[in-house]
């Protein structure tokens, strides 16, 4: 399974990548929404983890632009520190496949990926 992790923090990318690689996944990183869009046009991913709070283009805007790419059907999961009471509902209602909080809970990560794979 090929996974793209999008986050403007190199440290967050490193942590997420190590966790996902330990789980046996092939992982690429993008440091911005713009880089994400470019990479998705060049390579097919099975799953994308998207940070929400990024400068220039946030995760919600990046997701909207991804959906405009012909044939784009990749599940996109929020990977966010936005843990307000209604955050999960807000992101799921805007079309994200699932919601994952930072710091990453490995059990929740496994549960989300398992649901997507099946």
PDB file of N, CA and C in Angstrom:
ATOM      1  N   UNK A   1       0.847  -1.177   0.000  1.00  0.00           N
ATOM      2  CA  UNK A   1       0.000   0.000   0.000  1.00  0.00           C
ATOM      3  C   UNK A   1       0.894   1.243   0.000  1.00  0.00           C
ATOM      4  N   UNK A   2       0.628   2.147  -0.945  1.00  0.00           N
ATOM      5  CA  UNK A   2       1.390   3.389  -1.056  1.00  0.00           C
ATOM      6  C   UNK A   2       0.619   4.524  -0.383  1.00  0.00           C
ATOM      7  N   UNK A   3       1.278   5.203   0.559  1.00  0.00           N
ATOM      8  CA  UNK A   3       0.635   6.254   1.338  1.00  0.00           C
ATOM      9  C   UNK A   3       1.402   7.566   1.173  1.00  0.00           C
ATOM     10  N   UNK A   4       0.661   8.656   1.035  1.00  0.00           N
ATOM     11  CA  UNK A   4       1.234   9.993   1.000  1.00  0.00           C
ATOM     12  C   UNK A   4       0.839  10.705   2.286  1.00  0.00           C
ATOM     13  N   UNK A   5       1.829  11.253   2.992  1.00  0.00           N
ATOM     14  CA  UNK A   5       1.571  12.038   4.190  1.00  0.00           C
ATOM     15  C   UNK A   5       1.890  13.489   3.868  1.00  0.00           C
ATOM     16  N   UNK A   6       0.918  14.373   4.119  1.00  0.00           N
ATOM     17  CA  UNK A   6       1.067  15.793   3.813  1.00  0.00           C
ATOM     18  C   UNK A   6       1.048  16.576   5.123  1.00  0.00           C
ATOM     19  N   UNK A   7       2.138  17.295   5.401  1.00  0.00           N
ATOM     20  CA  UNK A   7       2.233  18.090   6.628  1.00  0.00           C
ATOM     21  C   UNK A   7       3.333  19.125   6.423  1.00  0.00           C
ATOM     22  N   UNK A   8       3.118  20.338   6.916  1.00  0.00           N
ATOM     23  CA  UNK A   8       4.121  21.386   6.749  1.00  0.00           C
ATOM     24  C   UNK A   8       5.255  21.274   7.766  1.00  0.00           C
ATOM     25  N   UNK A   9       5.144  20.353   8.716  1.00  0.00           N
ATOM     26  CA  UNK A   9       6.176  20.155   9.735  1.00  0.00           C
ATOM     27  C   UNK A   9       7.020  18.932   9.404  1.00  0.00           C
ATOM     28  N   UNK A  10       8.312  19.142   9.205  1.00  0.00           N
ATOM     29  CA  UNK A  10       9.216  18.033   8.900  1.00  0.00           C
ATOM     30  C   UNK A  10       9.242  17.018  10.041  1.00  0.00           C
ATOM     31  N   UNK A  11       9.134  17.495  11.273  1.00  0.00           N
ATOM     32  CA  UNK A  11       9.128  16.586  12.426  1.00  0.00           C
ATOM     33  C   UNK A  11       7.883  15.705  12.403  1.00  0.00           C
ATOM     34  N   UNK A  12       6.715  16.307  12.143  1.00  0.00           N
ATOM     35  CA  UNK A  12       5.474  15.522  12.064  1.00  0.00           C
ATOM     36  C   UNK A  12       5.542  14.499  10.935  1.00  0.00           C
ATOM     37  N   UNK A  13       6.130  14.895   9.805  1.00  0.00           N
ATOM     38  CA  UNK A  13       6.282  13.962   8.681  1.00  0.00           C
ATOM     39  C   UNK A  13       7.152  12.784   9.078  1.00  0.00           C
ATOM     40  N   UNK A  14       8.244  13.076   9.772  1.00  0.00           N
ATOM     41  CA  UNK A  14       9.173  12.022  10.181  1.00  0.00           C
ATOM     42  C   UNK A  14       8.490  11.030  11.125  1.00  0.00           C
ATOM     43  N   UNK A  15       7.730  11.548  12.094  1.00  0.00           N
ATOM     44  CA  UNK A  15       7.031  10.686  13.048  1.00  0.00           C
ATOM     45  C   UNK A  15       6.003   9.808  12.334  1.00  0.00           C
ATOM     46  N   UNK A  16       5.158  10.424  11.509  1.00  0.00           N
ATOM     47  CA  UNK A  16       4.116   9.680  10.792  1.00  0.00           C
ATOM     48  C   UNK A  16       4.741   8.637   9.865  1.00  0.00           C
ATOM     49  N   UNK A  17       5.797   9.019   9.171  1.00  0.00           N
ATOM     50  CA  UNK A  17       6.469   8.103   8.245  1.00  0.00           C
ATOM     51  C   UNK A  17       7.027   6.891   8.990  1.00  0.00           C
ATOM     52  N   UNK A  18       7.696   7.119  10.110  1.00  0.00           N
ATOM     53  CA  UNK A  18       8.257   5.996  10.889  1.00  0.00           C
ATOM     54  C   UNK A  18       7.158   5.042  11.347  1.00  0.00           C
ATOM     55  N   UNK A  19       6.050   5.593  11.830  1.00  0.00           N
ATOM     56  CA  UNK A  19       4.935   4.760  12.289  1.00  0.00           C
ATOM     57  C   UNK A  19       4.386   3.924  11.133  1.00  0.00           C
ATOM     58  N   UNK A  20       4.127   4.569  10.007  1.00  0.00           N
ATOM     59  CA  UNK A  20       3.539   3.872   8.857  1.00  0.00           C
ATOM     60  C   UNK A  20       4.503   2.847   8.260  1.00  0.00           C
ATOM     61  N   UNK A  21       5.781   3.174   8.185  1.00  0.00           N
ATOM     62  CA  UNK A  21       6.756   2.220   7.661  1.00  0.00           C
ATOM     63  C   UNK A  21       6.883   1.012   8.583  1.00  0.00           C
ATOM     64  N   UNK A  22       6.822   1.218   9.904  1.00  0.00           N
ATOM     65  CA  UNK A  22       6.849   0.095  10.849  1.00  0.00           C
ATOM     66  C   UNK A  22       5.654  -0.823  10.642  1.00  0.00           C
ATOM     67  N   UNK A  23       4.541  -0.247  10.165  1.00  0.00           N
ATOM     68  CA  UNK A  23       3.340  -1.029   9.882  1.00  0.00           C
ATOM     69  C   UNK A  23       3.427  -1.725   8.517  1.00  0.00           C
ATOM     70  N   UNK A  24       4.511  -1.450   7.773  1.00  0.00           N
ATOM     71  CA  UNK A  24       4.752  -2.143   6.512  1.00  0.00           C
ATOM     72  C   UNK A  24       4.310  -1.403   5.257  1.00  0.00           C
ATOM     73  N   UNK A  25       4.064  -0.092   5.368  1.00  0.00           N
ATOM     74  CA  UNK A  25       3.594   0.664   4.215  1.00  0.00           C
ATOM     75  C   UNK A  25       4.730   1.428   3.544  1.00  0.00           C
ATOM     76  N   UNK A  26       4.558   1.669   2.245  1.00  0.00           N
ATOM     77  CA  UNK A  26       5.467   2.513   1.474  1.00  0.00           C
ATOM     78  C   UNK A  26       4.964   3.946   1.620  1.00  0.00           C
ATOM     79  N   UNK A  27       5.839   4.866   2.061  1.00  0.00           N
ATOM     80  CA  UNK A  27       5.390   6.207   2.402  1.00  0.00           C
ATOM     81  C   UNK A  27       6.171   7.281   1.647  1.00  0.00           C
ATOM     82  N   UNK A  28       5.443   8.240   1.073  1.00  0.00           N
ATOM     83  CA  UNK A  28       6.024   9.457   0.503  1.00  0.00           C
ATOM     84  C   UNK A  28       5.532  10.634   1.337  1.00  0.00           C
ATOM     85  N   UNK A  29       6.281  11.730   1.283  1.00  0.00           N
ATOM     86  CA  UNK A  29       5.932  12.931   2.039  1.00  0.00           C
ATOM     87  C   UNK A  29       5.785  14.140   1.143  1.00  0.00           C
ATOM     88  N   UNK A  30       4.876  15.036   1.541  1.00  0.00           N
ATOM     89  CA  UNK A  30       4.725  16.334   0.890  1.00  0.00           C
ATOM     90  C   UNK A  30       4.676  17.386   2.000  1.00  0.00           C
ATOM     91  N   UNK A  31       5.429  18.469   1.832  1.00  0.00           N
ATOM     92  CA  UNK A  31       5.504  19.522   2.846  1.00  0.00           C
ATOM     93  C   UNK A  31       4.480  20.637   2.661  1.00  0.00           C
ATOM     94  N   UNK A  32       3.636  20.507   1.641  1.00  0.00           N
ATOM     95  CA  UNK A  32       2.623  21.540   1.398  1.00  0.00           C
ATOM     96  C   UNK A  32       1.492  20.973   0.551  1.00  0.00           C
ATOM     97  N   UNK A  33       0.396  21.704   0.524  1.00  0.00           N
ATOM     98  CA  UNK A  33      -0.714  21.322  -0.338  1.00  0.00           C
ATOM     99  C   UNK A  33      -0.314  21.338  -1.805  1.00  0.00           C
ATOM    100  N   UNK A  34       0.490  22.313  -2.191  1.00  0.00           N
ATOM    101  CA  UNK A  34       0.930  22.415  -3.586  1.00  0.00           C
ATOM    102  C   UNK A  34       1.775  21.203  -3.979  1.00  0.00           C
ATOM    103  N   UNK A  35       2.688  20.806  -3.078  1.00  0.00           N
ATOM    104  CA  UNK A  35       3.519  19.636  -3.350  1.00  0.00           C
ATOM    105  C   UNK A  35       2.658  18.378  -3.431  1.00  0.00           C
ATOM    106  N   UNK A  36       1.655  18.280  -2.573  1.00  0.00           N
ATOM    107  CA  UNK A  36       0.722  17.151  -2.594  1.00  0.00           C
ATOM    108  C   UNK A  36       0.042  17.042  -3.960  1.00  0.00           C
ATOM    109  N   UNK A  37      -0.495  18.149  -4.449  1.00  0.00           N
ATOM    110  CA  UNK A  37      -1.193  18.146  -5.741  1.00  0.00           C
ATOM    111  C   UNK A  37      -0.271  17.683  -6.859  1.00  0.00           C
ATOM    112  N   UNK A  38       0.955  18.165  -6.849  1.00  0.00           N
ATOM    113  CA  UNK A  38       1.940  17.786  -7.864  1.00  0.00           C
ATOM    114  C   UNK A  38       2.225  16.281  -7.797  1.00  0.00           C
ATOM    115  N   UNK A  39       2.436  15.773  -6.574  1.00  0.00           N
ATOM    116  CA  UNK A  39       2.782  14.361  -6.409  1.00  0.00           C
ATOM    117  C   UNK A  39       1.631  13.440  -6.814  1.00  0.00           C
ATOM    118  N   UNK A  40       0.404  13.823  -6.486  1.00  0.00           N
ATOM    119  CA  UNK A  40      -0.762  12.999  -6.820  1.00  0.00           C
ATOM    120  C   UNK A  40      -0.959  12.922  -8.331  1.00  0.00           C
ATOM    121  N   UNK A  41      -0.577  13.970  -9.035  1.00  0.00           N
ATOM    122  CA  UNK A  41      -0.686  13.955 -10.503  1.00  0.00           C
ATOM    123  C   UNK A  41       0.379  13.055 -11.131  1.00  0.00           C
ATOM    124  N   UNK A  42       1.480  12.820 -10.405  1.00  0.00           N
ATOM    125  CA  UNK A  42       2.593  12.027 -10.931  1.00  0.00           C
ATOM    126  C   UNK A  42       2.567  10.567 -10.492  1.00  0.00           C
ATOM    127  N   UNK A  43       1.874  10.258  -9.376  1.00  0.00           N
ATOM    128  CA  UNK A  43       1.921   8.905  -8.816  1.00  0.00           C
ATOM    129  C   UNK A  43       0.577   8.575  -8.174  1.00  0.00           C
ATOM    130  N   UNK A  44       0.189   7.315  -8.265  1.00  0.00           N
ATOM    131  CA  UNK A  44      -1.056   6.879  -7.629  1.00  0.00           C
ATOM    132  C   UNK A  44      -0.785   6.448  -6.190  1.00  0.00           C
ATOM    133  N   UNK A  45      -1.625   6.925  -5.288  1.00  0.00           N
ATOM    134  CA  UNK A  45      -1.531   6.547  -3.875  1.00  0.00           C
ATOM    135  C   UNK A  45      -2.794   5.808  -3.477  1.00  0.00           C
ATOM    136  N   UNK A  46      -2.634   4.895  -2.519  1.00  0.00           N
ATOM    137  CA  UNK A  46      -3.779   4.150  -2.002  1.00  0.00           C
ATOM    138  C   UNK A  46      -4.469   4.911  -0.882  1.00  0.00           C
ATOM    139  N   UNK A  47      -3.738   5.841  -0.265  1.00  0.00           N
ATOM    140  CA  UNK A  47      -4.239   6.558   0.895  1.00  0.00           C
ATOM    141  C   UNK A  47      -3.433   7.839   1.088  1.00  0.00           C
ATOM    142  N   UNK A  48      -4.111   8.900   1.538  1.00  0.00           N
ATOM    143  CA  UNK A  48      -3.436  10.165   1.836  1.00  0.00           C
ATOM    144  C   UNK A  48      -3.820  10.596   3.242  1.00  0.00           C
ATOM    145  N   UNK A  49      -2.794  10.937   4.039  1.00  0.00           N
ATOM    146  CA  UNK A  49      -3.017  11.559   5.344  1.00  0.00           C
ATOM    147  C   UNK A  49      -2.734  13.051   5.177  1.00  0.00           C
ATOM    148  N   UNK A  50      -3.707  13.888   5.537  1.00  0.00           N
ATOM    149  CA  UNK A  50      -3.628  15.320   5.258  1.00  0.00           C
ATOM    150  C   UNK A  50      -3.676  16.158   6.534  1.00  0.00           C
ATOM    151  N   UNK A  51      -2.607  16.918   6.761  1.00  0.00           N
ATOM    152  CA  UNK A  51      -2.628  17.907   7.835  1.00  0.00           C
ATOM    153  C   UNK A  51      -3.642  18.982   7.434  1.00  0.00           C
ATOM    154  N   UNK A  52      -4.334  19.537   8.405  1.00  0.00           N
ATOM    155  CA  UNK A  52      -5.334  20.554   8.099  1.00  0.00           C
ATOM    156  C   UNK A  52      -4.734  21.959   8.139  1.00  0.00           C
ATOM    157  N   UNK A  53      -3.974  22.256   9.183  1.00  0.00           N
ATOM    158  CA  UNK A  53      -3.447  23.612   9.368  1.00  0.00           C
ATOM    159  C   UNK A  53      -2.070  23.751   8.736  1.00  0.00           C
ATOM    160  N   UNK A  54      -2.059  24.204   7.471  1.00  0.00           N
ATOM    161  CA  UNK A  54      -0.810  24.450   6.750  1.00  0.00           C
ATOM    162  C   UNK A  54      -0.865  25.851   6.168  1.00  0.00           C
ATOM    163  N   UNK A  55       0.294  26.514   6.057  1.00  0.00           N
ATOM    164  CA  UNK A  55       0.305  27.849   5.448  1.00  0.00           C
ATOM    165  C   UNK A  55       0.043  27.770   3.942  1.00  0.00           C
ATOM    166  N   UNK A  56      -0.284  28.871   3.346  1.00  0.00           N
ATOM    167  CA  UNK A  56      -0.548  29.024   1.910  1.00  0.00           C
ATOM    168  C   UNK A  56      -1.826  28.319   1.469  1.00  0.00           C
ATOM    169  N   UNK A  57      -1.871  27.002   1.602  1.00  0.00           N
ATOM    170  CA  UNK A  57      -3.080  26.260   1.241  1.00  0.00           C
ATOM    171  C   UNK A  57      -3.302  25.197   2.320  1.00  0.00           C
ATOM    172  N   UNK A  58      -4.396  25.334   3.068  1.00  0.00           N
ATOM    173  CA  UNK A  58      -4.643  24.386   4.150  1.00  0.00           C
ATOM    174  C   UNK A  58      -5.128  23.044   3.602  1.00  0.00           C
ATOM    175  N   UNK A  59      -5.300  22.083   4.496  1.00  0.00           N
ATOM    176  CA  UNK A  59      -5.686  20.738   4.092  1.00  0.00           C
ATOM    177  C   UNK A  59      -7.059  20.656   3.461  1.00  0.00           C
ATOM    178  N   UNK A  60      -7.989  21.491   3.925  1.00  0.00           N
ATOM    179  CA  UNK A  60      -9.346  21.477   3.355  1.00  0.00           C
ATOM    180  C   UNK A  60      -9.306  21.958   1.908  1.00  0.00           C
ATOM    181  N   UNK A  61      -8.579  23.044   1.651  1.00  0.00           N
ATOM    182  CA  UNK A  61      -8.461  23.563   0.280  1.00  0.00           C
ATOM    183  C   UNK A  61      -7.709  22.574  -0.609  1.00  0.00           C
ATOM    184  N   UNK A  62      -6.666  21.975  -0.078  1.00  0.00           N
ATOM    185  CA  UNK A  62      -5.915  20.971  -0.847  1.00  0.00           C
ATOM    186  C   UNK A  62      -6.842  19.818  -1.233  1.00  0.00           C
ATOM    187  N   UNK A  63      -7.648  19.368  -0.275  1.00  0.00           N
ATOM    188  CA  UNK A  63      -8.594  18.275  -0.525  1.00  0.00           C
ATOM    189  C   UNK A  63      -9.597  18.668  -1.620  1.00  0.00           C
ATOM    190  N   UNK A  64     -10.114  19.890  -1.566  1.00  0.00           N
ATOM    191  CA  UNK A  64     -11.048  20.358  -2.611  1.00  0.00           C
ATOM    192  C   UNK A  64     -10.395  20.299  -3.983  1.00  0.00           C
ATOM    193  N   UNK A  65      -9.135  20.706  -4.055  1.00  0.00           N
ATOM    194  CA  UNK A  65      -8.419  20.692  -5.341  1.00  0.00           C
ATOM    195  C   UNK A  65      -8.109  19.269  -5.802  1.00  0.00           C
ATOM    196  N   UNK A  66      -7.819  18.382  -4.855  1.00  0.00           N
ATOM    197  CA  UNK A  66      -7.592  16.978  -5.221  1.00  0.00           C
ATOM    198  C   UNK A  66      -8.836  16.396  -5.884  1.00  0.00           C
ATOM    199  N   UNK A  67     -10.006  16.699  -5.324  1.00  0.00           N
ATOM    200  CA  UNK A  67     -11.263  16.154  -5.860  1.00  0.00           C
ATOM    201  C   UNK A  67     -11.562  16.667  -7.264  1.00  0.00           C
ATOM    202  N   UNK A  68     -10.889  17.742  -7.679  1.00  0.00           N
ATOM    203  CA  UNK A  68     -11.091  18.280  -9.029  1.00  0.00           C
ATOM    204  C   UNK A  68     -10.219  17.579 -10.071  1.00  0.00           C
ATOM    205  N   UNK A  69      -9.290  16.750  -9.626  1.00  0.00           N
ATOM    206  CA  UNK A  69      -8.420  16.004 -10.541  1.00  0.00           C
ATOM    207  C   UNK A  69      -9.224  14.845 -11.130  1.00  0.00           C
ATOM    208  N   UNK A  70      -9.232  14.740 -12.455  1.00  0.00           N
ATOM    209  CA  UNK A  70      -9.970  13.668 -13.134  1.00  0.00           C
ATOM    210  C   UNK A  70      -9.585  12.305 -12.585  1.00  0.00           C
ATOM    211  N   UNK A  71     -10.590  11.530 -12.186  1.00  0.00           N
ATOM    212  CA  UNK A  71     -10.373  10.168 -11.737  1.00  0.00           C
ATOM    213  C   UNK A  71      -9.862  10.031 -10.311  1.00  0.00           C
ATOM    214  N   UNK A  72      -9.748  11.135  -9.582  1.00  0.00           N
ATOM    215  CA  UNK A  72      -9.237  11.059  -8.206  1.00  0.00           C
ATOM    216  C   UNK A  72     -10.257  10.382  -7.300  1.00  0.00           C
ATOM    217  N   UNK A  73      -9.841   9.260  -6.678  1.00  0.00           N
ATOM    218  CA  UNK A  73     -10.735   8.527  -5.784  1.00  0.00           C
ATOM    219  C   UNK A  73     -10.017   8.058  -4.515  1.00  0.00           C
ATOM    220  N   UNK A  74      -8.822   8.563  -4.276  1.00  0.00           N
ATOM    221  CA  UNK A  74      -8.014   8.129  -3.140  1.00  0.00           C
ATOM    222  C   UNK A  74      -8.640   8.565  -1.821  1.00  0.00           C
ATOM    223  N   UNK A  75      -8.762   7.667  -0.853  1.00  0.00           N
ATOM    224  CA  UNK A  75      -9.260   8.063   0.469  1.00  0.00           C
ATOM    225  C   UNK A  75      -8.298   9.070   1.109  1.00  0.00           C
ATOM    226  N   UNK A  76      -8.851  10.135   1.685  1.00  0.00           N
ATOM    227  CA  UNK A  76      -8.041  11.165   2.340  1.00  0.00           C
ATOM    228  C   UNK A  76      -8.475  11.254   3.800  1.00  0.00           C
ATOM    229  N   UNK A  77      -7.502  11.098   4.681  1.00  0.00           N
ATOM    230  CA  UNK A  77      -7.751  11.107   6.119  1.00  0.00           C
ATOM    231  C   UNK A  77      -7.116  12.347   6.724  1.00  0.00           C
ATOM    232  N   UNK A  78      -7.863  13.055   7.560  1.00  0.00           N
ATOM    233  CA  UNK A  78      -7.263  14.194   8.252  1.00  0.00           C
ATOM    234  C   UNK A  78      -6.227  13.664   9.233  1.00  0.00           C
ATOM    235  N   UNK A  79      -5.163  14.407   9.387  1.00  0.00           N
ATOM    236  CA  UNK A  79      -4.153  14.135  10.402  1.00  0.00           C
ATOM    237  C   UNK A  79      -3.924  15.483  11.063  1.00  0.00           C
ATOM    238  N   UNK A  80      -4.636  15.726  12.160  1.00  0.00           N
ATOM    239  CA  UNK A  80      -4.720  17.095  12.646  1.00  0.00           C
ATOM    240  C   UNK A  80      -4.640  17.233  14.152  1.00  0.00           C
ATOM    241  N   UNK A  81      -4.173  18.395  14.561  1.00  0.00           N
ATOM    242  CA  UNK A  81      -4.171  18.765  15.981  1.00  0.00           C
ATOM    243  C   UNK A  81      -5.461  19.512  16.322  1.00  0.00           C
ATOM    244  N   UNK A  82      -6.339  19.695  15.333  1.00  0.00           N
ATOM    245  CA  UNK A  82      -7.631  20.359  15.554  1.00  0.00           C
ATOM    246  C   UNK A  82      -8.561  19.353  16.225  1.00  0.00           C
ATOM    247  N   UNK A  83      -8.676  19.470  17.550  1.00  0.00           N
ATOM    248  CA  UNK A  83      -9.449  18.489  18.311  1.00  0.00           C
ATOM    249  C   UNK A  83     -10.637  19.141  19.025  1.00  0.00           C
ATOM    250  N   UNK A  84     -11.168  20.199  18.439  1.00  0.00           N
ATOM    251  CA  UNK A  84     -12.369  20.819  18.992  1.00  0.00           C
ATOM    252  C   UNK A  84     -13.502  19.794  18.987  1.00  0.00           C
ATOM    253  N   UNK A  85     -14.529  20.034  19.776  1.00  0.00           N
ATOM    254  CA  UNK A  85     -15.634  19.085  19.910  1.00  0.00           C
ATOM    255  C   UNK A  85     -16.266  18.664  18.592  1.00  0.00           C
ATOM    256  N   UNK A  86     -16.446  19.613  17.677  1.00  0.00           N
ATOM    257  CA  UNK A  86     -17.136  19.295  16.425  1.00  0.00           C
ATOM    258  C   UNK A  86     -16.190  19.053  15.250  1.00  0.00           C
ATOM    259  N   UNK A  87     -14.884  19.004  15.498  1.00  0.00           N
ATOM    260  CA  UNK A  87     -13.909  18.894  14.409  1.00  0.00           C
ATOM    261  C   UNK A  87     -14.093  17.636  13.566  1.00  0.00           C
ATOM    262  N   UNK A  88     -14.202  16.490  14.225  1.00  0.00           N
ATOM    263  CA  UNK A  88     -14.329  15.237  13.472  1.00  0.00           C
ATOM    264  C   UNK A  88     -15.556  15.287  12.565  1.00  0.00           C
ATOM    265  N   UNK A  89     -16.678  15.687  13.107  1.00  0.00           N
ATOM    266  CA  UNK A  89     -17.913  15.776  12.315  1.00  0.00           C
ATOM    267  C   UNK A  89     -17.758  16.761  11.156  1.00  0.00           C
ATOM    268  N   UNK A  90     -17.131  17.895  11.424  1.00  0.00           N
ATOM    269  CA  UNK A  90     -16.929  18.930  10.395  1.00  0.00           C
ATOM    270  C   UNK A  90     -16.120  18.377   9.217  1.00  0.00           C
ATOM    271  N   UNK A  91     -15.015  17.676   9.511  1.00  0.00           N
ATOM    272  CA  UNK A  91     -14.162  17.163   8.440  1.00  0.00           C
ATOM    273  C   UNK A  91     -14.806  15.991   7.701  1.00  0.00           C
ATOM    274  N   UNK A  92     -15.474  15.133   8.417  1.00  0.00           N
ATOM    275  CA  UNK A  92     -16.162  14.018   7.755  1.00  0.00           C
ATOM    276  C   UNK A  92     -17.279  14.544   6.858  1.00  0.00           C
ATOM    277  N   UNK A  93     -17.985  15.568   7.315  1.00  0.00           N
ATOM    278  CA  UNK A  93     -19.056  16.171   6.498  1.00  0.00           C
ATOM    279  C   UNK A  93     -18.513  16.863   5.254  1.00  0.00           C
ATOM    280  N   UNK A  94     -17.249  17.294   5.290  1.00  0.00           N
ATOM    281  CA  UNK A  94     -16.673  17.939   4.103  1.00  0.00           C
ATOM    282  C   UNK A  94     -16.061  16.921   3.145  1.00  0.00           C
ATOM    283  N   UNK A  95     -16.198  15.619   3.456  1.00  0.00           N
ATOM    284  CA  UNK A  95     -15.809  14.594   2.499  1.00  0.00           C
ATOM    285  C   UNK A  95     -14.586  13.768   2.846  1.00  0.00           C
ATOM    286  N   UNK A  96     -13.878  14.123   3.919  1.00  0.00           N
ATOM    287  CA  UNK A  96     -12.730  13.307   4.302  1.00  0.00           C
ATOM    288  C   UNK A  96     -13.203  11.907   4.672  1.00  0.00           C
ATOM    289  N   UNK A  97     -12.378  10.913   4.407  1.00  0.00           N
ATOM    290  CA  UNK A  97     -12.732   9.512   4.652  1.00  0.00           C
ATOM    291  C   UNK A  97     -12.741   9.190   6.142  1.00  0.00           C
ATOM    292  N   UNK A  98     -11.793   9.766   6.864  1.00  0.00           N
ATOM    293  CA  UNK A  98     -11.687   9.502   8.303  1.00  0.00           C
ATOM    294  C   UNK A  98     -10.933  10.655   8.958  1.00  0.00           C
ATOM    295  N   UNK A  99     -10.938  10.635  10.278  1.00  0.00           N
ATOM    296  CA  UNK A  99     -10.340  11.701  11.089  1.00  0.00           C
ATOM    297  C   UNK A  99      -9.371  11.068  12.076  1.00  0.00           C
ATOM    298  N   UNK A 100      -8.122  11.527  12.062  1.00  0.00           N
ATOM    299  CA  UNK A 100      -7.107  11.029  12.976  1.00  0.00           C
ATOM    300  C   UNK A 100      -6.431  12.217  13.647  1.00  0.00           C
ATOM    301  N   UNK A 101      -6.388  12.172  14.975  1.00  0.00           N
ATOM    302  CA  UNK A 101      -5.791  13.255  15.754  1.00  0.00           C
ATOM    303  C   UNK A 101      -4.286  13.064  15.892  1.00  0.00           C
ATOM    304  N   UNK A 102      -3.596  14.197  16.062  1.00  0.00           N
ATOM    305  CA  UNK A 102      -2.194  14.179  16.471  1.00  0.00           C
ATOM    306  C   UNK A 102      -2.180  14.350  17.984  1.00  0.00           C
ATOM    307  N   UNK A 103      -1.282  13.711  18.704  1.00  0.00           N
ATOM    308  CA  UNK A 103      -0.337  12.711  18.213  1.00  0.00           C
ATOM    309  C   UNK A 103      -1.070  11.442  17.774  1.00  0.00           C
ATOM    310  N   UNK A 104      -0.443  10.721  16.862  1.00  0.00           N
ATOM    311  CA  UNK A 104      -1.070   9.548  16.261  1.00  0.00           C
ATOM    312  C   UNK A 104      -1.244   8.428  17.281  1.00  0.00           C
ATOM    313  N   UNK A 105      -2.464   7.936  17.373  1.00  0.00           N
ATOM    314  CA  UNK A 105      -2.777   6.754  18.173  1.00  0.00           C
ATOM    315  C   UNK A 105      -2.677   5.561  17.217  1.00  0.00           C
ATOM    316  N   UNK A 106      -1.709   4.682  17.457  1.00  0.00           N
ATOM    317  CA  UNK A 106      -1.435   3.588  16.515  1.00  0.00           C
ATOM    318  C   UNK A 106      -2.634   2.648  16.359  1.00  0.00           C
ATOM    319  N   UNK A 107      -3.341   2.368  17.434  1.00  0.00           N
ATOM    320  CA  UNK A 107      -4.520   1.499  17.334  1.00  0.00           C
ATOM    321  C   UNK A 107      -5.595   2.121  16.452  1.00  0.00           C
ATOM    322  N   UNK A 108      -5.827   3.415  16.629  1.00  0.00           N
ATOM    323  CA  UNK A 108      -6.831   4.109  15.803  1.00  0.00           C
ATOM    324  C   UNK A 108      -6.369   4.132  14.342  1.00  0.00           C
ATOM    325  N   UNK A 109      -5.077   4.360  14.115  1.00  0.00           N
ATOM    326  CA  UNK A 109      -4.511   4.339  12.767  1.00  0.00           C
ATOM    327  C   UNK A 109      -4.764   2.984  12.112  1.00  0.00           C
ATOM    328  N   UNK A 110      -4.476   1.909  12.826  1.00  0.00           N
ATOM    329  CA  UNK A 110      -4.687   0.554  12.286  1.00  0.00           C
ATOM    330  C   UNK A 110      -6.159   0.323  11.968  1.00  0.00           C
ATOM    331  N   UNK A 111      -7.028   0.780  12.855  1.00  0.00           N
ATOM    332  CA  UNK A 111      -8.473   0.608  12.664  1.00  0.00           C
ATOM    333  C   UNK A 111      -8.944   1.328  11.397  1.00  0.00           C
ATOM    334  N   UNK A 112      -8.478   2.553  11.201  1.00  0.00           N
ATOM    335  CA  UNK A 112      -8.870   3.336  10.019  1.00  0.00           C
ATOM    336  C   UNK A 112      -8.380   2.664   8.743  1.00  0.00           C
ATOM    337  N   UNK A 113      -7.101   2.264   8.725  1.00  0.00           N
ATOM    338  CA  UNK A 113      -6.540   1.646   7.522  1.00  0.00           C
ATOM    339  C   UNK A 113      -7.239   0.313   7.237  1.00  0.00           C
ATOM    340  N   UNK A 114      -7.529  -0.447   8.268  1.00  0.00           N
ATOM    341  CA  UNK A 114      -8.222  -1.721   8.104  1.00  0.00           C
ATOM    342  C   UNK A 114      -9.596  -1.531   7.458  1.00  0.00           C
ATOM    343  N   UNK A 115     -10.340  -0.526   7.896  1.00  0.00           N
ATOM    344  CA  UNK A 115     -11.665  -0.242   7.308  1.00  0.00           C
ATOM    345  C   UNK A 115     -11.553   0.144   5.843  1.00  0.00           C
ATOM    346  N   UNK A 116     -10.512   0.907   5.504  1.00  0.00           N
ATOM    347  CA  UNK A 116     -10.332   1.372   4.125  1.00  0.00           C
ATOM    348  C   UNK A 116      -9.921   0.216   3.223  1.00  0.00           C
ATOM    349  N   UNK A 117      -9.069  -0.675   3.715  1.00  0.00           N
ATOM    350  CA  UNK A 117      -8.599  -1.809   2.920  1.00  0.00           C
ATOM    351  C   UNK A 117      -9.716  -2.805   2.621  1.00  0.00           C
ATOM    352  N   UNK A 118     -10.709  -2.874   3.499  1.00  0.00           N
ATOM    353  CA  UNK A 118     -11.787  -3.876   3.320  1.00  0.00           C
ATOM    354  C   UNK A 118     -12.957  -3.360   2.541  1.00  0.00           C
TER     355      UNK A 118
END
